[in-house]
Amino acid sequence: MKNIGIALAISIWVVSFGFFQTSCTPSEEIAPDCLTILLSDTLRFNLLDMDTKKNLFFSSEPAYEPGQLKLFHKRYASTSSDDLLEIPVSIAQSVEEEHFKARIPPRADTLYLQISEQPFDMVIYTVKKDPSNPCPQLILDTVTFNGEHAGDNAHNRIVHFYRKE
C-alpha cells in the first residue's frame, strides 16, 4: 500500500511538473521545426575591371581563368594571418549572368580573395536575420570589396566587385 502511495505521489509530481513547464513556456519561442544549427548563405559575385567594367573571368576575352580564383576565411579562434581555410567556389549560371558562388560561414565577417598568386583582396560582409523565415536564420546583408561598398541586401543577388587591374 505504501508503494502505491509513493508511486501515486511521483506520478502527480511528474504530471504537475509537465503542466508547469508547458504553461510557463513563452509564446514567442522558436518554431518547433527549426534546426538548431545555422546554415551558410551563398555569396554570388563577379569580378569586374574598375576602369573598363569588363568581366575579368566571364567575357569573350577573359583576363583570368576561373580556376585561378580562390576564396579563404580565417579559422574562428585564430590570430595568425597564415591560418586560412579555403572555401570552395563554383561557377553558376543565372538569367542575369554567369558568376561565382560560394557558401560563406554564417559567423565570419572577412573573406580573402586571391587571383593567381596576386596579393589578397578583402571581402567584408554582414549578416542579418531573415525576416521571411520564422526560424533564426542569418542571411547575407551588406558586402564591401577592398573597402568599397559593393552591395546591400546581397542575399540571392549577384554582387559586382570592381578591381583595379
Foldseek 3Di string as FASTA:
>chain_A
DVVVVVVVVVVVVVVVVVVVVVVPDDPLDQDPPADPDEFFFKAKEFEAAQVPRHTQDDDPDHVAHPVQKWKWFADPPDPDPPRIDTWDKDWDQDPVGITIMTGDDQPGFWMWMGGHPDHTKIKGWDWDADPVDSHRYIFTAWIDINNHTFDGPRGVHYTYHHDHD
